[in-house]
């Protein structure tokens, strides 16, 4: 299992259904990049300048909305994940 460090969060990105216009399938590189994901792991927290550690605002199991071009895509155990910093998370989806 992947264990993120610091203020990083590991997401399983929610893939949108294949997009099409009038029955024509849009190429994957022309589709909008998904911006929602499920949190599968969270880091230990952000360290402030004074050395104090602040816990992250998200938890495993949360569905979140993140910045469009945020994160680093990684492949682990045949699955695709996205690693983002907490500052790139916009909202928790209820």
PDB file of N, CA and C in Angstrom:
ATOM      1  N   UNK A   1       0.840  -1.189   0.000  1.00  0.00           N
ATOM      2  CA  UNK A   1       0.000   0.000   0.000  1.00  0.00           C
ATOM      3  C   UNK A   1       0.881   1.247   0.000  1.00  0.00           C
ATOM      4  N   UNK A   2       0.448   2.264  -0.680  1.00  0.00           N
ATOM      5  CA  UNK A   2       1.165   3.534  -0.714  1.00  0.00           C
ATOM      6  C   UNK A   2       0.852   4.333   0.544  1.00  0.00           C
ATOM      7  N   UNK A   3       1.883   4.928   1.156  1.00  0.00           N
ATOM      8  CA  UNK A   3       1.709   5.775   2.338  1.00  0.00           C
ATOM      9  C   UNK A   3       2.278   7.152   2.009  1.00  0.00           C
ATOM     10  N   UNK A   4       1.411   8.154   1.845  1.00  0.00           N
ATOM     11  CA  UNK A   4       1.905   9.485   1.494  1.00  0.00           C
ATOM     12  C   UNK A   4       2.634  10.145   2.656  1.00  0.00           C
ATOM     13  N   UNK A   5       3.564  11.023   2.332  1.00  0.00           N
ATOM     14  CA  UNK A   5       4.335  11.749   3.338  1.00  0.00           C
ATOM     15  C   UNK A   5       3.803  13.170   3.489  1.00  0.00           C
ATOM     16  N   UNK A   6       3.978  13.740   4.675  1.00  0.00           N
ATOM     17  CA  UNK A   6       3.642  15.142   4.921  1.00  0.00           C
ATOM     18  C   UNK A   6       2.203  15.483   4.615  1.00  0.00           C
ATOM     19  N   UNK A   7       2.017  16.530   3.789  1.00  0.00           N
ATOM     20  CA  UNK A   7       0.663  17.007   3.488  1.00  0.00           C
ATOM     21  C   UNK A   7       0.119  16.427   2.184  1.00  0.00           C
ATOM     22  N   UNK A   8       0.634  15.283   1.777  1.00  0.00           N
ATOM     23  CA  UNK A   8       0.170  14.666   0.536  1.00  0.00           C
ATOM     24  C   UNK A   8      -1.022  13.745   0.782  1.00  0.00           C
ATOM     25  N   UNK A   9      -1.848  13.613  -0.255  1.00  0.00           N
ATOM     26  CA  UNK A   9      -3.045  12.783  -0.214  1.00  0.00           C
ATOM     27  C   UNK A   9      -3.042  11.922  -1.475  1.00  0.00           C
ATOM     28  N   UNK A  10      -3.356  10.638  -1.336  1.00  0.00           N
ATOM     29  CA  UNK A  10      -3.439   9.748  -2.494  1.00  0.00           C
ATOM     30  C   UNK A  10      -4.907   9.557  -2.848  1.00  0.00           C
ATOM     31  N   UNK A  11      -5.205   9.778  -4.133  1.00  0.00           N
ATOM     32  CA  UNK A  11      -6.579   9.713  -4.629  1.00  0.00           C
ATOM     33  C   UNK A  11      -6.732   8.631  -5.682  1.00  0.00           C
ATOM     34  N   UNK A  12      -7.910   8.053  -5.701  1.00  0.00           N
ATOM     35  CA  UNK A  12      -8.337   7.225  -6.813  1.00  0.00           C
ATOM     36  C   UNK A  12      -9.266   8.141  -7.607  1.00  0.00           C
ATOM     37  N   UNK A  13      -8.827   8.564  -8.778  1.00  0.00           N
ATOM     38  CA  UNK A  13      -9.576   9.547  -9.562  1.00  0.00           C
ATOM     39  C   UNK A  13     -10.835   8.910 -10.125  1.00  0.00           C
ATOM     40  N   UNK A  14     -11.954   9.645 -10.017  1.00  0.00           N
ATOM     41  CA  UNK A  14     -13.218   9.169 -10.568  1.00  0.00           C
ATOM     42  C   UNK A  14     -13.224   9.452 -12.057  1.00  0.00           C
ATOM     43  N   UNK A  15     -13.273   8.409 -12.840  1.00  0.00           N
ATOM     44  CA  UNK A  15     -13.275   8.545 -14.299  1.00  0.00           C
ATOM     45  C   UNK A  15     -14.693   8.857 -14.764  1.00  0.00           C
ATOM     46  N   UNK A  16     -14.795   9.821 -15.670  1.00  0.00           N
ATOM     47  CA  UNK A  16     -16.086  10.125 -16.278  1.00  0.00           C
ATOM     48  C   UNK A  16     -16.382   9.067 -17.327  1.00  0.00           C
ATOM     49  N   UNK A  17     -17.659   8.914 -17.630  1.00  0.00           N
ATOM     50  CA  UNK A  17     -18.040   8.014 -18.707  1.00  0.00           C
ATOM     51  C   UNK A  17     -17.446   8.544 -20.012  1.00  0.00           C
ATOM     52  N   UNK A  18     -17.242   7.660 -20.961  1.00  0.00           N
ATOM     53  CA  UNK A  18     -16.686   8.068 -22.253  1.00  0.00           C
ATOM     54  C   UNK A  18     -17.586   9.138 -22.865  1.00  0.00           C
ATOM     55  N   UNK A  19     -16.992  10.250 -23.242  1.00  0.00           N
ATOM     56  CA  UNK A  19     -17.760  11.364 -23.783  1.00  0.00           C
ATOM     57  C   UNK A  19     -17.950  11.191 -25.283  1.00  0.00           C
ATOM     58  N   UNK A  20     -19.140  11.613 -25.752  1.00  0.00           N
ATOM     59  CA  UNK A  20     -19.360  11.626 -27.194  1.00  0.00           C
ATOM     60  C   UNK A  20     -20.286  12.777 -27.540  1.00  0.00           C
ATOM     61  N   UNK A  21     -20.180  13.213 -28.765  1.00  0.00           N
ATOM     62  CA  UNK A  21     -21.007  14.300 -29.265  1.00  0.00           C
ATOM     63  C   UNK A  21     -21.720  13.782 -30.499  1.00  0.00           C
ATOM     64  N   UNK A  22     -23.030  13.706 -30.421  1.00  0.00           N
ATOM     65  CA  UNK A  22     -23.801  13.242 -31.572  1.00  0.00           C
ATOM     66  C   UNK A  22     -23.381  11.868 -32.051  1.00  0.00           C
ATOM     67  N   UNK A  23     -23.005  10.988 -31.134  1.00  0.00           N
ATOM     68  CA  UNK A  23     -22.605   9.636 -31.491  1.00  0.00           C
ATOM     69  C   UNK A  23     -21.141   9.494 -31.872  1.00  0.00           C
ATOM     70  N   UNK A  24     -20.403  10.607 -31.924  1.00  0.00           N
ATOM     71  CA  UNK A  24     -18.975  10.561 -32.245  1.00  0.00           C
ATOM     72  C   UNK A  24     -18.187  10.551 -30.942  1.00  0.00           C
ATOM     73  N   UNK A  25     -17.359   9.541 -30.749  1.00  0.00           N
ATOM     74  CA  UNK A  25     -16.568   9.426 -29.528  1.00  0.00           C
ATOM     75  C   UNK A  25     -15.421  10.432 -29.573  1.00  0.00           C
ATOM     76  N   UNK A  26     -15.250  11.177 -28.473  1.00  0.00           N
ATOM     77  CA  UNK A  26     -14.180  12.166 -28.377  1.00  0.00           C
ATOM     78  C   UNK A  26     -12.908  11.464 -27.924  1.00  0.00           C
ATOM     79  N   UNK A  27     -11.797  11.745 -28.584  1.00  0.00           N
ATOM     80  CA  UNK A  27     -10.510  11.142 -28.224  1.00  0.00           C
ATOM     81  C   UNK A  27     -10.182  11.454 -26.770  1.00  0.00           C
ATOM     82  N   UNK A  28      -9.541  10.510 -26.072  1.00  0.00           N
ATOM     83  CA  UNK A  28      -9.260  10.682 -24.643  1.00  0.00           C
ATOM     84  C   UNK A  28      -8.399  11.904 -24.361  1.00  0.00           C
ATOM     85  N   UNK A  29      -7.498  12.269 -25.282  1.00  0.00           N
ATOM     86  CA  UNK A  29      -6.651  13.437 -25.038  1.00  0.00           C
ATOM     87  C   UNK A  29      -7.396  14.752 -25.255  1.00  0.00           C
ATOM     88  N   UNK A  30      -8.607  14.708 -25.811  1.00  0.00           N
ATOM     89  CA  UNK A  30      -9.407  15.920 -26.015  1.00  0.00           C
ATOM     90  C   UNK A  30     -10.465  16.086 -24.928  1.00  0.00           C
ATOM     91  N   UNK A  31     -10.628  15.080 -24.072  1.00  0.00           N
ATOM     92  CA  UNK A  31     -11.621  15.147 -23.008  1.00  0.00           C
ATOM     93  C   UNK A  31     -11.089  15.956 -21.836  1.00  0.00           C
ATOM     94  N   UNK A  32     -12.016  16.528 -21.070  1.00  0.00           N
ATOM     95  CA  UNK A  32     -11.651  17.258 -19.858  1.00  0.00           C
ATOM     96  C   UNK A  32     -11.044  16.296 -18.844  1.00  0.00           C
ATOM     97  N   UNK A  33     -10.041  16.751 -18.129  1.00  0.00           N
ATOM     98  CA  UNK A  33      -9.404  15.958 -17.082  1.00  0.00           C
ATOM     99  C   UNK A  33     -10.342  15.914 -15.872  1.00  0.00           C
ATOM    100  N   UNK A  34     -10.591  14.721 -15.291  1.00  0.00           N
ATOM    101  CA  UNK A  34     -11.463  14.639 -14.110  1.00  0.00           C
ATOM    102  C   UNK A  34     -10.891  15.455 -12.954  1.00  0.00           C
ATOM    103  N   UNK A  35     -11.780  15.991 -12.107  1.00  0.00           N
ATOM    104  CA  UNK A  35     -11.343  16.801 -10.975  1.00  0.00           C
ATOM    105  C   UNK A  35     -11.898  16.303  -9.649  1.00  0.00           C
ATOM    106  N   UNK A  36     -12.466  15.106  -9.630  1.00  0.00           N
ATOM    107  CA  UNK A  36     -12.943  14.538  -8.375  1.00  0.00           C
ATOM    108  C   UNK A  36     -12.251  13.206  -8.144  1.00  0.00           C
ATOM    109  N   UNK A  37     -12.097  12.870  -6.866  1.00  0.00           N
ATOM    110  CA  UNK A  37     -11.455  11.614  -6.531  1.00  0.00           C
ATOM    111  C   UNK A  37     -11.810  11.166  -5.132  1.00  0.00           C
ATOM    112  N   UNK A  38     -11.541   9.902  -4.865  1.00  0.00           N
ATOM    113  CA  UNK A  38     -11.772   9.325  -3.546  1.00  0.00           C
ATOM    114  C   UNK A  38     -10.438   9.224  -2.820  1.00  0.00           C
ATOM    115  N   UNK A  39     -10.405   9.704  -1.587  1.00  0.00           N
ATOM    116  CA  UNK A  39      -9.188   9.673  -0.779  1.00  0.00           C
ATOM    117  C   UNK A  39      -8.960   8.241  -0.303  1.00  0.00           C
ATOM    118  N   UNK A  40      -7.787   7.689  -0.632  1.00  0.00           N
ATOM    119  CA  UNK A  40      -7.484   6.333  -0.171  1.00  0.00           C
ATOM    120  C   UNK A  40      -6.375   6.306   0.871  1.00  0.00           C
ATOM    121  N   UNK A  41      -5.614   7.409   0.982  1.00  0.00           N
ATOM    122  CA  UNK A  41      -4.566   7.500   2.010  1.00  0.00           C
ATOM    123  C   UNK A  41      -4.208   8.963   2.228  1.00  0.00           C
ATOM    124  N   UNK A  42      -3.880   9.307   3.476  1.00  0.00           N
ATOM    125  CA  UNK A  42      -3.473  10.680   3.808  1.00  0.00           C
ATOM    126  C   UNK A  42      -2.138  10.653   4.538  1.00  0.00           C
ATOM    127  N   UNK A  43      -1.368  11.715   4.334  1.00  0.00           N
ATOM    128  CA  UNK A  43      -0.079  11.846   5.000  1.00  0.00           C
ATOM    129  C   UNK A  43      -0.247  12.186   6.472  1.00  0.00           C
ATOM    130  N   UNK A  44       0.879  12.341   7.153  1.00  0.00           N
ATOM    131  CA  UNK A  44       0.872  12.594   8.597  1.00  0.00           C
ATOM    132  C   UNK A  44       0.529  14.029   8.947  1.00  0.00           C
ATOM    133  N   UNK A  45       0.600  14.929   7.985  1.00  0.00           N
ATOM    134  CA  UNK A  45       0.244  16.322   8.235  1.00  0.00           C
ATOM    135  C   UNK A  45       1.318  17.287   7.794  1.00  0.00           C
ATOM    136  N   UNK A  46       0.947  18.553   7.801  1.00  0.00           N
ATOM    137  CA  UNK A  46       1.856  19.628   7.386  1.00  0.00           C
ATOM    138  C   UNK A  46       2.626  20.113   8.599  1.00  0.00           C
ATOM    139  N   UNK A  47       3.921  20.372   8.427  1.00  0.00           N
ATOM    140  CA  UNK A  47       4.759  20.868   9.517  1.00  0.00           C
ATOM    141  C   UNK A  47       4.911  22.382   9.359  1.00  0.00           C
ATOM    142  N   UNK A  48       4.536  23.117  10.406  1.00  0.00           N
ATOM    143  CA  UNK A  48       4.654  24.571  10.404  1.00  0.00           C
ATOM    144  C   UNK A  48       6.101  24.988  10.642  1.00  0.00           C
ATOM    145  N   UNK A  49       6.392  26.262  10.437  1.00  0.00           N
ATOM    146  CA  UNK A  49       7.752  26.779  10.627  1.00  0.00           C
ATOM    147  C   UNK A  49       8.267  26.571  12.051  1.00  0.00           C
ATOM    148  N   UNK A  50       7.345  26.562  13.034  1.00  0.00           N
ATOM    149  CA  UNK A  50       7.762  26.382  14.425  1.00  0.00           C
ATOM    150  C   UNK A  50       7.902  24.901  14.813  1.00  0.00           C
ATOM    151  N   UNK A  51       7.720  23.996  13.829  1.00  0.00           N
ATOM    152  CA  UNK A  51       7.878  22.570  14.086  1.00  0.00           C
ATOM    153  C   UNK A  51       6.593  21.854  14.456  1.00  0.00           C
ATOM    154  N   UNK A  52       5.526  22.597  14.679  1.00  0.00           N
ATOM    155  CA  UNK A  52       4.238  21.998  15.040  1.00  0.00           C
ATOM    156  C   UNK A  52       3.635  21.306  13.819  1.00  0.00           C
ATOM    157  N   UNK A  53       3.048  20.120  14.045  1.00  0.00           N
ATOM    158  CA  UNK A  53       2.426  19.368  12.956  1.00  0.00           C
ATOM    159  C   UNK A  53       0.916  19.594  12.982  1.00  0.00           C
ATOM    160  N   UNK A  54       0.351  19.928  11.820  1.00  0.00           N
ATOM    161  CA  UNK A  54      -1.083  20.174  11.686  1.00  0.00           C
ATOM    162  C   UNK A  54      -1.685  19.033  10.870  1.00  0.00           C
ATOM    163  N   UNK A  55      -2.718  18.393  11.416  1.00  0.00           N
ATOM    164  CA  UNK A  55      -3.376  17.282  10.724  1.00  0.00           C
ATOM    165  C   UNK A  55      -4.084  17.781   9.466  1.00  0.00           C
ATOM    166  N   UNK A  56      -4.249  16.893   8.497  1.00  0.00           N
ATOM    167  CA  UNK A  56      -4.925  17.250   7.255  1.00  0.00           C
ATOM    168  C   UNK A  56      -6.434  17.348   7.467  1.00  0.00           C
ATOM    169  N   UNK A  57      -7.092  18.097   6.581  1.00  0.00           N
ATOM    170  CA  UNK A  57      -8.533  18.340   6.685  1.00  0.00           C
ATOM    171  C   UNK A  57      -9.373  17.241   6.049  1.00  0.00           C
ATOM    172  N   UNK A  58      -8.741  16.320   5.332  1.00  0.00           N
ATOM    173  CA  UNK A  58      -9.480  15.246   4.670  1.00  0.00           C
ATOM    174  C   UNK A  58      -9.146  13.915   5.325  1.00  0.00           C
ATOM    175  N   UNK A  59     -10.054  12.956   5.139  1.00  0.00           N
ATOM    176  CA  UNK A  59      -9.889  11.623   5.716  1.00  0.00           C
ATOM    177  C   UNK A  59     -10.051  10.575   4.628  1.00  0.00           C
ATOM    178  N   UNK A  60      -9.548   9.385   4.899  1.00  0.00           N
ATOM    179  CA  UNK A  60      -9.743   8.264   3.984  1.00  0.00           C
ATOM    180  C   UNK A  60     -11.247   8.052   3.806  1.00  0.00           C
ATOM    181  N   UNK A  61     -11.668   7.900   2.564  1.00  0.00           N
ATOM    182  CA  UNK A  61     -13.080   7.698   2.256  1.00  0.00           C
ATOM    183  C   UNK A  61     -13.784   8.950   1.763  1.00  0.00           C
ATOM    184  N   UNK A  62     -13.189  10.130   1.997  1.00  0.00           N
ATOM    185  CA  UNK A  62     -13.785  11.377   1.509  1.00  0.00           C
ATOM    186  C   UNK A  62     -13.730  11.418  -0.017  1.00  0.00           C
ATOM    187  N   UNK A  63     -14.746  12.039  -0.610  1.00  0.00           N
ATOM    188  CA  UNK A  63     -14.724  12.368  -2.032  1.00  0.00           C
ATOM    189  C   UNK A  63     -14.403  13.845  -2.108  1.00  0.00           C
ATOM    190  N   UNK A  64     -13.387  14.187  -2.896  1.00  0.00           N
ATOM    191  CA  UNK A  64     -12.924  15.574  -2.920  1.00  0.00           C
ATOM    192  C   UNK A  64     -12.886  16.118  -4.350  1.00  0.00           C
ATOM    193  N   UNK A  65     -12.865  17.447  -4.422  1.00  0.00           N
ATOM    194  CA  UNK A  65     -12.700  18.180  -5.671  1.00  0.00           C
ATOM    195  C   UNK A  65     -11.322  18.818  -5.619  1.00  0.00           C
ATOM    196  N   UNK A  66     -10.524  18.649  -6.672  1.00  0.00           N
ATOM    197  CA  UNK A  66      -9.158  19.181  -6.656  1.00  0.00           C
ATOM    198  C   UNK A  66      -8.904  20.048  -7.885  1.00  0.00           C
ATOM    199  N   UNK A  67      -7.846  20.873  -7.807  1.00  0.00           N
ATOM    200  CA  UNK A  67      -7.467  21.741  -8.919  1.00  0.00           C
ATOM    201  C   UNK A  67      -7.239  20.920 -10.182  1.00  0.00           C
ATOM    202  N   UNK A  68      -7.571  21.505 -11.312  1.00  0.00           N
ATOM    203  CA  UNK A  68      -7.552  20.811 -12.600  1.00  0.00           C
ATOM    204  C   UNK A  68      -6.207  20.175 -12.954  1.00  0.00           C
ATOM    205  N   UNK A  69      -5.112  20.881 -12.719  1.00  0.00           N
ATOM    206  CA  UNK A  69      -3.804  20.353 -13.120  1.00  0.00           C
ATOM    207  C   UNK A  69      -2.954  19.948 -11.919  1.00  0.00           C
ATOM    208  N   UNK A  70      -3.592  19.625 -10.818  1.00  0.00           N
ATOM    209  CA  UNK A  70      -2.882  19.283  -9.585  1.00  0.00           C
ATOM    210  C   UNK A  70      -2.381  17.843  -9.619  1.00  0.00           C
ATOM    211  N   UNK A  71      -1.341  17.612  -8.853  1.00  0.00           N
ATOM    212  CA  UNK A  71      -0.914  16.262  -8.549  1.00  0.00           C
ATOM    213  C   UNK A  71       0.032  15.594  -9.522  1.00  0.00           C
ATOM    214  N   UNK A  72       0.451  14.417  -9.085  1.00  0.00           N
ATOM    215  CA  UNK A  72       1.352  13.564  -9.851  1.00  0.00           C
ATOM    216  C   UNK A  72       0.671  12.224 -10.047  1.00  0.00           C
ATOM    217  N   UNK A  73       0.553  11.799 -11.299  1.00  0.00           N
ATOM    218  CA  UNK A  73      -0.065  10.510 -11.584  1.00  0.00           C
ATOM    219  C   UNK A  73       0.944   9.402 -11.328  1.00  0.00           C
ATOM    220  N   UNK A  74       0.505   8.360 -10.615  1.00  0.00           N
ATOM    221  CA  UNK A  74       1.365   7.204 -10.350  1.00  0.00           C
ATOM    222  C   UNK A  74       0.586   5.921 -10.618  1.00  0.00           C
ATOM    223  N   UNK A  75       1.325   4.880 -10.978  1.00  0.00           N
ATOM    224  CA  UNK A  75       0.721   3.562 -11.173  1.00  0.00           C
ATOM    225  C   UNK A  75       1.343   2.639 -10.136  1.00  0.00           C
ATOM    226  N   UNK A  76       0.495   1.937  -9.376  1.00  0.00           N
ATOM    227  CA  UNK A  76       0.979   1.028  -8.340  1.00  0.00           C
ATOM    228  C   UNK A  76       0.056  -0.181  -8.317  1.00  0.00           C
ATOM    229  N   UNK A  77       0.611  -1.359  -8.365  1.00  0.00           N
ATOM    230  CA  UNK A  77      -0.155  -2.608  -8.334  1.00  0.00           C
ATOM    231  C   UNK A  77      -1.251  -2.603  -9.401  1.00  0.00           C
ATOM    232  N   UNK A  78      -0.869  -2.184 -10.618  1.00  0.00           N
ATOM    233  CA  UNK A  78      -1.773  -2.183 -11.771  1.00  0.00           C
ATOM    234  C   UNK A  78      -2.952  -1.208 -11.652  1.00  0.00           C
ATOM    235  N   UNK A  79      -2.895  -0.256 -10.717  1.00  0.00           N
ATOM    236  CA  UNK A  79      -3.954   0.747 -10.570  1.00  0.00           C
ATOM    237  C   UNK A  79      -3.352   2.133 -10.720  1.00  0.00           C
ATOM    238  N   UNK A  80      -4.159   3.075 -11.214  1.00  0.00           N
ATOM    239  CA  UNK A  80      -3.720   4.459 -11.376  1.00  0.00           C
ATOM    240  C   UNK A  80      -4.185   5.292 -10.191  1.00  0.00           C
ATOM    241  N   UNK A  81      -3.274   6.108  -9.674  1.00  0.00           N
ATOM    242  CA  UNK A  81      -3.570   6.990  -8.545  1.00  0.00           C
ATOM    243  C   UNK A  81      -3.068   8.394  -8.860  1.00  0.00           C
ATOM    244  N   UNK A  82      -3.538   9.356  -8.071  1.00  0.00           N
ATOM    245  CA  UNK A  82      -3.068  10.730  -8.170  1.00  0.00           C
ATOM    246  C   UNK A  82      -2.626  11.158  -6.779  1.00  0.00           C
ATOM    247  N   UNK A  83      -1.414  11.711  -6.674  1.00  0.00           N
ATOM    248  CA  UNK A  83      -0.896  12.204  -5.399  1.00  0.00           C
ATOM    249  C   UNK A  83      -0.946  13.729  -5.450  1.00  0.00           C
ATOM    250  N   UNK A  84      -1.701  14.331  -4.514  1.00  0.00           N
ATOM    251  CA  UNK A  84      -1.848  15.792  -4.479  1.00  0.00           C
ATOM    252  C   UNK A  84      -1.448  16.323  -3.109  1.00  0.00           C
ATOM    253  N   UNK A  85      -1.066  17.593  -3.072  1.00  0.00           N
ATOM    254  CA  UNK A  85      -0.838  18.282  -1.807  1.00  0.00           C
ATOM    255  C   UNK A  85      -2.183  18.790  -1.297  1.00  0.00           C
ATOM    256  N   UNK A  86      -2.320  18.915   0.009  1.00  0.00           N
ATOM    257  CA  UNK A  86      -3.584  19.378   0.586  1.00  0.00           C
ATOM    258  C   UNK A  86      -3.997  20.736   0.022  1.00  0.00           C
ATOM    259  N   UNK A  87      -3.044  21.607  -0.271  1.00  0.00           N
ATOM    260  CA  UNK A  87      -3.368  22.942  -0.788  1.00  0.00           C
ATOM    261  C   UNK A  87      -4.056  22.885  -2.151  1.00  0.00           C
ATOM    262  N   UNK A  88      -3.932  21.758  -2.872  1.00  0.00           N
ATOM    263  CA  UNK A  88      -4.563  21.607  -4.182  1.00  0.00           C
ATOM    264  C   UNK A  88      -5.990  21.073  -4.091  1.00  0.00           C
ATOM    265  N   UNK A  89      -6.440  20.752  -2.877  1.00  0.00           N
ATOM    266  CA  UNK A  89      -7.804  20.268  -2.675  1.00  0.00           C
ATOM    267  C   UNK A  89      -8.709  21.469  -2.463  1.00  0.00           C
ATOM    268  N   UNK A  90      -9.766  21.547  -3.275  1.00  0.00           N
ATOM    269  CA  UNK A  90     -10.671  22.691  -3.256  1.00  0.00           C
ATOM    270  C   UNK A  90     -11.820  22.483  -2.274  1.00  0.00           C
ATOM    271  N   UNK A  91     -12.390  21.263  -2.242  1.00  0.00           N
ATOM    272  CA  UNK A  91     -13.567  21.024  -1.403  1.00  0.00           C
ATOM    273  C   UNK A  91     -13.754  19.533  -1.154  1.00  0.00           C
ATOM    274  N   UNK A  92     -14.507  19.242  -0.099  1.00  0.00           N
ATOM    275  CA  UNK A  92     -14.964  17.884   0.175  1.00  0.00           C
ATOM    276  C   UNK A  92     -16.398  17.810  -0.329  1.00  0.00           C
ATOM    277  N   UNK A  93     -16.707  16.787  -1.136  1.00  0.00           N
ATOM    278  CA  UNK A  93     -18.041  16.623  -1.707  1.00  0.00           C
ATOM    279  C   UNK A  93     -18.884  15.793  -0.743  1.00  0.00           C
ATOM    280  N   UNK A  94     -20.054  16.314  -0.383  1.00  0.00           N
ATOM    281  CA  UNK A  94     -20.972  15.580   0.515  1.00  0.00           C
ATOM    282  C   UNK A  94     -21.849  14.640  -0.261  1.00  0.00           C
TER     283      UNK A  94
END
